Amino acid sequence: MSQHALAERAGTSRERVSAYEHGRTSPTVATAERLLAATGHDLVAEARIDFASRDVGRGRTITIPARLPRLPAEQALATVVLPVQLNRACL
C-alpha cells in the first residue's frame, strides 16, 4: 500500500506517514491504531508473562510464571484428566 493510500484511509497526511516510517516522529497510540485499522489489522496489547526459575531440591529446578494469564471462564474452570502413566510418574 502506498503512503498516500495509507494516509488517506487513516485520515492523516502522506508526510506524516513518511515521518513515522523513517523514525523522524512517533505516532500516538490512537494514530497507530488508525494506521493499523486502515491496513486491516488491530492493535492489541497483551501483558507479558515473565518466568522465574525456582530450586525445588535434589538438584531440580522448575520454571514458574510470575503471574497467570487471563483465561476464558470455560478454560479456567475446566476439568483436567491426567493419564494414569503421568500420575504414577509423580508419586
Protein backbone atom coordinates (compact mmCIF):
# COMPACT_ATOMS: atom_id res chain seq x y z
CA MET A 1 0.00 0.00 0.00
CA SER A 2 1.39 3.42 -0.85
CA GLN A 3 1.96 6.09 1.76
CA HIS A 4 -0.66 8.22 0.04
CA ALA A 5 -3.30 5.46 0.17
CA LEU A 6 -2.50 4.65 3.80
CA ALA A 7 -2.63 8.30 4.82
CA GLU A 8 -5.95 8.77 3.05
CA ARG A 9 -7.51 5.70 4.68
CA ALA A 10 -6.17 6.60 8.15
CA GLY A 11 -7.10 10.26 7.96
CA THR A 12 -3.59 11.70 8.12
CA SER A 13 -1.10 13.16 5.67
CA ARG A 14 1.38 11.32 3.45
CA GLU A 15 4.15 13.41 5.01
CA ARG A 16 3.19 12.16 8.48
CA VAL A 17 3.19 8.53 7.31
CA SER A 18 6.64 9.09 5.81
CA ALA A 19 7.88 10.61 9.07
CA TYR A 20 6.58 7.57 11.00
CA GLU A 21 8.21 5.14 8.57
CA HIS A 22 11.58 6.88 8.78
CA GLY A 23 11.50 7.26 12.56
CA ARG A 24 11.53 11.05 12.49
CA THR A 25 8.43 11.11 14.69
CA SER A 26 6.27 8.60 16.53
CA PRO A 27 2.51 8.27 16.19
CA THR A 28 0.24 8.41 19.21
CA VAL A 29 -1.41 5.15 20.18
CA ALA A 30 -4.66 6.39 18.64
CA THR A 31 -2.90 7.22 15.37
CA ALA A 32 -1.08 3.89 15.31
CA GLU A 33 -4.43 2.18 15.84
CA ARG A 34 -5.96 4.10 12.90
CA LEU A 35 -2.98 3.28 10.66
CA LEU A 36 -3.23 -0.42 11.52
CA ALA A 37 -7.01 -0.43 11.07
CA ALA A 38 -6.51 1.10 7.61
CA THR A 39 -4.42 -1.96 6.68
CA GLY A 40 -6.93 -4.44 8.14
CA HIS A 41 -5.11 -5.04 11.42
CA ASP A 42 -5.89 -4.46 15.10
CA LEU A 43 -3.60 -3.07 17.77
CA VAL A 44 -3.59 -5.48 20.70
CA ALA A 45 -1.64 -5.01 23.93
CA GLU A 46 -1.16 -8.14 25.99
CA ALA A 47 0.53 -8.38 29.33
CA ARG A 48 3.91 -10.08 29.12
CA ILE A 49 4.34 -13.04 31.41
CA ASP A 50 7.77 -13.33 32.98
CA PHE A 51 9.09 -16.63 34.25
CA ALA A 52 11.41 -17.35 37.17
CA SER A 53 13.42 -20.48 37.95
CA ARG A 54 12.99 -22.00 41.40
CA ASP A 55 15.09 -24.67 43.07
CA VAL A 56 12.81 -27.45 44.35
CA GLY A 57 15.51 -29.56 45.95
CA ARG A 58 17.60 -32.57 44.98
CA GLY A 59 19.17 -30.58 42.15
CA ARG A 60 15.84 -29.98 40.39
CA THR A 61 14.74 -26.62 39.09
CA ILE A 62 11.32 -25.64 37.81
CA THR A 63 10.23 -22.60 35.84
CA ILE A 64 7.08 -20.84 37.03
CA PRO A 65 5.22 -17.79 35.72
CA ALA A 66 5.31 -14.60 37.79
CA ARG A 67 1.53 -14.42 37.34
CA LEU A 68 -1.08 -16.40 35.49
CA PRO A 69 -2.58 -15.23 32.19
CA ARG A 70 -6.27 -14.50 31.88
CA LEU A 71 -8.24 -17.39 30.55
CA PRO A 72 -11.81 -17.59 29.31
CA ALA A 73 -14.01 -18.96 32.13
CA GLU A 74 -14.62 -22.27 30.36
CA GLN A 75 -10.85 -22.89 30.18
CA ALA A 76 -10.07 -21.62 33.68
CA LEU A 77 -12.73 -23.84 35.24
CA ALA A 78 -12.22 -26.90 33.03
CA THR A 79 -11.57 -30.33 34.47
CA VAL A 80 -8.21 -31.81 33.52
CA VAL A 81 -7.83 -35.58 33.48
CA LEU A 82 -4.26 -36.80 33.58
CA PRO A 83 -3.26 -40.12 32.05
CA VAL A 84 -2.50 -42.87 34.61
CA GLN A 85 1.14 -43.03 33.44
CA LEU A 86 1.64 -39.36 34.26
CA ASN A 87 0.00 -39.72 37.67
CA ARG A 88 2.33 -42.61 38.61
CA ALA A 89 5.40 -40.68 37.46
CA CYS A 90 4.65 -38.03 40.07
CA LEU A 91 4.49 -40.45 43.01
